[in-house]
N, C-alpha and C. Protein backbone atom coordinates (compact mmCIF):
# COMPACT_ATOMS: atom_id res chain seq x y z
N UNK A 1 -37.00 -86.80 54.54
CA UNK A 1 -36.09 -87.90 54.19
C UNK A 1 -34.71 -87.56 54.63
N UNK A 2 -33.99 -88.65 55.12
CA UNK A 2 -32.67 -88.39 55.61
C UNK A 2 -31.87 -89.67 55.53
N UNK A 3 -30.73 -89.67 56.27
CA UNK A 3 -29.91 -90.88 56.36
C UNK A 3 -29.91 -91.32 57.87
N UNK A 4 -30.12 -92.59 58.11
CA UNK A 4 -30.17 -93.13 59.43
C UNK A 4 -28.75 -93.15 60.01
N UNK A 5 -28.55 -92.61 61.20
CA UNK A 5 -27.23 -92.60 61.83
C UNK A 5 -26.77 -94.00 62.31
N UNK A 6 -27.69 -94.97 62.40
CA UNK A 6 -27.39 -96.31 62.90
C UNK A 6 -27.05 -97.24 61.75
N UNK A 7 -27.99 -97.40 60.78
CA UNK A 7 -27.74 -98.33 59.75
C UNK A 7 -27.14 -97.69 58.48
N UNK A 8 -27.16 -96.33 58.39
CA UNK A 8 -26.55 -95.55 57.31
C UNK A 8 -27.35 -95.72 56.02
N UNK A 9 -28.61 -96.27 56.05
CA UNK A 9 -29.33 -96.24 54.89
C UNK A 9 -29.79 -94.81 54.44
N UNK A 10 -29.83 -94.49 53.20
CA UNK A 10 -30.17 -93.11 52.83
C UNK A 10 -31.57 -93.07 52.29
N UNK A 11 -32.06 -91.77 52.32
CA UNK A 11 -33.41 -91.44 51.78
C UNK A 11 -34.46 -92.35 52.55
N UNK A 12 -34.35 -92.31 53.79
CA UNK A 12 -35.32 -92.95 54.68
C UNK A 12 -35.95 -91.98 55.62
N UNK A 13 -37.19 -92.24 56.03
CA UNK A 13 -37.90 -91.39 56.90
C UNK A 13 -37.29 -91.53 58.30
N UNK A 14 -36.86 -90.44 58.92
CA UNK A 14 -36.14 -90.65 60.16
C UNK A 14 -37.03 -90.04 61.40
N UNK A 15 -36.72 -90.61 62.58
CA UNK A 15 -37.37 -90.12 63.79
C UNK A 15 -36.13 -89.71 64.78
N UNK A 16 -36.53 -88.98 65.71
CA UNK A 16 -35.42 -88.55 66.68
C UNK A 16 -35.43 -89.50 67.88
N UNK A 17 -34.23 -90.13 68.05
CA UNK A 17 -34.03 -91.07 69.11
C UNK A 17 -33.26 -90.40 70.27
N UNK A 18 -33.69 -90.35 71.39
CA UNK A 18 -33.00 -89.68 72.61
C UNK A 18 -32.05 -90.84 73.06
N UNK A 19 -30.72 -90.51 72.96
CA UNK A 19 -29.66 -91.52 73.29
C UNK A 19 -29.82 -91.94 74.81
N UNK A 20 -30.08 -90.97 75.57
CA UNK A 20 -30.52 -91.32 77.00
C UNK A 20 -32.10 -91.14 76.99
N UNK A 21 -32.79 -92.16 77.30
CA UNK A 21 -34.24 -92.05 77.29
C UNK A 21 -34.80 -90.82 78.03
N UNK A 22 -35.84 -90.23 77.59
CA UNK A 22 -36.43 -89.04 78.22
C UNK A 22 -36.78 -89.31 79.63
N UNK A 23 -37.38 -90.48 79.87
CA UNK A 23 -37.84 -90.82 81.25
C UNK A 23 -36.60 -90.97 82.20
N UNK A 24 -35.52 -91.11 81.67
CA UNK A 24 -34.17 -91.33 82.44
C UNK A 24 -33.43 -90.02 82.50
N UNK A 25 -34.02 -88.91 82.16
CA UNK A 25 -33.38 -87.68 82.22
C UNK A 25 -32.79 -87.12 80.94
N UNK A 26 -33.09 -87.71 79.80
CA UNK A 26 -32.42 -87.39 78.53
C UNK A 26 -33.25 -86.38 77.67
N UNK A 27 -34.25 -85.71 78.26
CA UNK A 27 -35.10 -84.87 77.46
C UNK A 27 -34.24 -83.79 76.66
N UNK A 28 -33.26 -83.26 77.27
CA UNK A 28 -32.54 -82.24 76.59
C UNK A 28 -31.08 -82.73 76.27
N UNK A 29 -30.94 -84.05 76.26
CA UNK A 29 -29.62 -84.68 75.91
C UNK A 29 -29.45 -84.88 74.41
N UNK A 30 -28.35 -85.55 74.14
CA UNK A 30 -28.08 -85.81 72.66
C UNK A 30 -29.09 -86.71 72.13
N UNK A 31 -29.25 -86.52 70.79
CA UNK A 31 -30.28 -87.35 70.05
C UNK A 31 -29.56 -87.79 68.80
N UNK A 32 -30.19 -88.77 68.15
CA UNK A 32 -29.75 -89.33 66.93
C UNK A 32 -30.95 -89.47 65.97
N UNK A 33 -30.77 -89.26 64.64
CA UNK A 33 -31.72 -89.46 63.64
C UNK A 33 -31.64 -90.84 63.17
N UNK A 34 -32.78 -91.54 63.44
CA UNK A 34 -32.80 -92.96 63.04
C UNK A 34 -33.93 -93.30 62.16
N UNK A 35 -33.80 -94.21 61.21
CA UNK A 35 -34.95 -94.67 60.45
C UNK A 35 -35.98 -95.41 61.40
N UNK A 36 -37.17 -95.39 61.03
CA UNK A 36 -38.14 -95.93 61.93
C UNK A 36 -37.83 -97.42 62.35
N UNK A 37 -37.46 -98.33 61.36
CA UNK A 37 -37.28 -99.67 61.71
C UNK A 37 -36.12 -99.73 62.76
N UNK A 38 -35.01 -98.96 62.61
CA UNK A 38 -33.90 -99.06 63.66
C UNK A 38 -34.48 -98.58 64.99
N UNK A 39 -35.16 -97.47 64.98
CA UNK A 39 -35.63 -96.88 66.25
C UNK A 39 -36.53 -97.95 66.90
N UNK A 40 -37.47 -98.54 66.18
CA UNK A 40 -38.35 -99.57 66.73
C UNK A 40 -37.57 -100.77 67.18
N UNK A 41 -36.54 -101.15 66.57
CA UNK A 41 -35.80 -102.41 66.86
C UNK A 41 -35.13 -102.15 68.24
N UNK A 42 -34.57 -100.97 68.44
CA UNK A 42 -33.93 -100.74 69.70
C UNK A 42 -34.86 -100.81 70.92
N UNK A 43 -36.02 -100.29 70.73
CA UNK A 43 -37.02 -100.29 71.88
C UNK A 43 -37.75 -101.63 71.91
N UNK A 44 -37.72 -102.47 70.89
CA UNK A 44 -38.31 -103.81 70.94
C UNK A 44 -37.27 -104.68 71.69
N UNK A 45 -35.98 -104.45 71.58
CA UNK A 45 -34.99 -105.38 72.19
C UNK A 45 -34.79 -104.96 73.69
N UNK A 46 -34.81 -103.71 73.95
CA UNK A 46 -34.37 -103.19 75.36
C UNK A 46 -35.32 -102.31 75.92
N UNK A 47 -35.33 -102.45 77.34
CA UNK A 47 -36.06 -101.45 78.11
C UNK A 47 -35.40 -100.06 78.15
N UNK A 48 -36.12 -99.03 78.52
CA UNK A 48 -35.36 -97.78 78.67
C UNK A 48 -34.33 -97.85 79.68
N UNK A 49 -34.49 -98.60 80.73
CA UNK A 49 -33.41 -98.76 81.79
C UNK A 49 -32.12 -99.35 81.17
N UNK A 50 -32.33 -100.44 80.36
CA UNK A 50 -31.14 -101.02 79.79
C UNK A 50 -30.48 -100.08 78.77
N UNK A 51 -31.25 -99.34 78.00
CA UNK A 51 -30.73 -98.39 77.07
C UNK A 51 -29.92 -97.38 77.86
N UNK A 52 -30.36 -96.90 79.04
CA UNK A 52 -29.69 -95.80 79.72
C UNK A 52 -28.53 -96.35 80.37
N UNK A 53 -28.39 -97.60 80.73
CA UNK A 53 -27.33 -98.22 81.44
C UNK A 53 -26.07 -98.43 80.37
N UNK A 54 -26.43 -98.77 79.24
CA UNK A 54 -25.31 -99.20 78.35
C UNK A 54 -25.40 -98.94 76.94
N UNK A 55 -26.43 -98.24 76.37
CA UNK A 55 -26.58 -98.03 75.03
C UNK A 55 -26.81 -96.52 74.71
N UNK A 56 -26.00 -95.58 75.26
CA UNK A 56 -26.34 -94.22 75.09
C UNK A 56 -25.52 -93.44 73.98
N UNK A 57 -24.80 -94.23 73.20
CA UNK A 57 -24.11 -93.56 72.08
C UNK A 57 -24.33 -94.49 70.80
N UNK A 58 -24.10 -93.93 69.63
CA UNK A 58 -24.24 -94.61 68.39
C UNK A 58 -23.16 -95.72 68.32
N UNK A 59 -21.94 -95.54 68.76
CA UNK A 59 -21.01 -96.70 68.75
C UNK A 59 -21.41 -97.88 69.67
N UNK A 60 -21.98 -97.50 70.81
CA UNK A 60 -22.42 -98.58 71.81
C UNK A 60 -23.57 -99.34 71.21
N UNK A 61 -24.47 -98.62 70.40
CA UNK A 61 -25.60 -99.30 69.84
C UNK A 61 -25.06 -100.22 68.64
N UNK A 62 -24.15 -99.75 67.92
CA UNK A 62 -23.57 -100.48 66.72
C UNK A 62 -22.84 -101.79 67.24
N UNK A 63 -22.06 -101.64 68.45
CA UNK A 63 -21.39 -102.72 68.94
C UNK A 63 -22.19 -103.78 69.75
N UNK A 64 -23.49 -103.43 70.05
CA UNK A 64 -24.21 -104.49 70.73
C UNK A 64 -24.50 -105.57 69.93
N UNK A 65 -24.23 -106.83 70.44
CA UNK A 65 -24.38 -108.07 69.62
C UNK A 65 -25.71 -108.28 68.96
N UNK A 66 -26.89 -108.04 69.66
CA UNK A 66 -28.17 -108.18 69.01
C UNK A 66 -28.36 -107.21 67.95
N UNK A 67 -28.12 -106.04 68.19
CA UNK A 67 -28.27 -104.86 67.24
C UNK A 67 -27.36 -105.06 65.99
N UNK A 68 -26.15 -105.55 66.20
CA UNK A 68 -25.20 -105.59 65.18
C UNK A 68 -25.76 -106.66 64.08
N UNK A 69 -26.33 -107.70 64.57
CA UNK A 69 -26.83 -108.67 63.66
C UNK A 69 -27.97 -108.08 62.92
N UNK A 70 -28.86 -107.37 63.61
CA UNK A 70 -29.95 -106.62 62.91
C UNK A 70 -29.43 -105.69 61.90
N UNK A 71 -28.41 -104.86 62.26
CA UNK A 71 -27.91 -103.85 61.33
C UNK A 71 -27.31 -104.45 60.07
N UNK A 72 -26.66 -105.64 60.18
CA UNK A 72 -26.12 -106.32 59.03
C UNK A 72 -27.24 -106.69 58.17
N UNK A 73 -28.44 -107.11 58.69
CA UNK A 73 -29.63 -107.52 57.82
C UNK A 73 -30.17 -106.21 57.19
N UNK A 74 -30.55 -105.19 58.00
CA UNK A 74 -31.29 -104.08 57.58
C UNK A 74 -30.49 -103.31 56.49
N UNK A 75 -29.18 -103.27 56.49
CA UNK A 75 -28.44 -102.46 55.47
C UNK A 75 -28.67 -103.06 54.14
N UNK A 76 -29.07 -104.31 54.06
CA UNK A 76 -29.31 -105.01 52.73
C UNK A 76 -30.75 -104.65 52.18
N UNK A 77 -31.63 -104.06 53.02
CA UNK A 77 -33.07 -103.88 52.72
C UNK A 77 -33.21 -102.55 52.00
N UNK A 78 -34.04 -102.49 51.02
CA UNK A 78 -34.28 -101.16 50.29
C UNK A 78 -34.94 -100.29 51.32
N UNK A 79 -34.65 -98.92 51.16
CA UNK A 79 -35.24 -97.87 52.07
C UNK A 79 -36.68 -97.77 51.96
N UNK A 80 -37.30 -98.23 50.87
CA UNK A 80 -38.75 -98.14 50.71
C UNK A 80 -39.47 -99.32 51.39
N UNK A 81 -38.73 -100.39 51.75
CA UNK A 81 -39.46 -101.58 52.35
C UNK A 81 -39.87 -101.29 53.86
N UNK A 82 -41.17 -101.62 54.10
CA UNK A 82 -41.62 -101.42 55.45
C UNK A 82 -41.58 -102.85 56.10
N UNK A 83 -40.98 -102.84 57.27
CA UNK A 83 -40.88 -104.18 57.98
C UNK A 83 -41.55 -104.12 59.29
N UNK A 84 -41.96 -105.31 59.77
CA UNK A 84 -42.63 -105.38 61.04
C UNK A 84 -41.63 -105.77 62.08
N UNK A 85 -41.68 -104.99 63.26
CA UNK A 85 -40.70 -105.20 64.32
C UNK A 85 -41.45 -105.73 65.48
N UNK A 86 -41.07 -106.92 66.00
CA UNK A 86 -41.68 -107.54 67.10
C UNK A 86 -40.71 -107.43 68.44
N UNK A 87 -41.38 -107.23 69.53
CA UNK A 87 -40.58 -107.27 70.73
C UNK A 87 -39.97 -108.71 70.88
N UNK A 88 -38.69 -108.65 71.40
CA UNK A 88 -38.07 -109.90 71.65
C UNK A 88 -38.81 -110.58 72.74
N UNK A 89 -38.68 -111.95 72.87
CA UNK A 89 -39.24 -112.73 73.96
C UNK A 89 -38.68 -112.30 75.23
N UNK A 90 -37.39 -111.99 75.38
CA UNK A 90 -36.76 -111.45 76.56
C UNK A 90 -37.39 -110.23 76.98
N UNK A 91 -37.54 -109.31 76.04
CA UNK A 91 -38.17 -108.03 76.36
C UNK A 91 -39.58 -108.13 76.86
N UNK A 92 -40.32 -109.07 76.25
CA UNK A 92 -41.75 -109.26 76.68
C UNK A 92 -41.81 -109.68 78.19
N UNK A 93 -40.85 -110.53 78.62
CA UNK A 93 -40.86 -111.07 79.95
C UNK A 93 -40.41 -109.98 80.95
N UNK A 94 -39.90 -108.92 80.50
CA UNK A 94 -39.36 -107.88 81.41
C UNK A 94 -40.44 -106.84 81.81
N UNK A 95 -41.66 -106.96 81.34
CA UNK A 95 -42.70 -106.10 81.71
C UNK A 95 -43.08 -106.13 83.11
């Protein structure tokens, strides 16, 4: 259990998010500890190429319009709540 570096919720299970995706050369680069819903939300909204191009720091992630709306919502959710994350329609079309 820890604190999510993106939404700042405490006592949540965290996963390691590579700020530069591993497939784009970020295997040994900086990482962030994110709660599972935040981590899933990033990858549901954006491809690894999009993440590598413009979302490689916590401030960039927080400033992103789509993610900032999500963060405003998730901060109000209890850390024990499990939520379903769906890929955005835009992301589905990018396959």
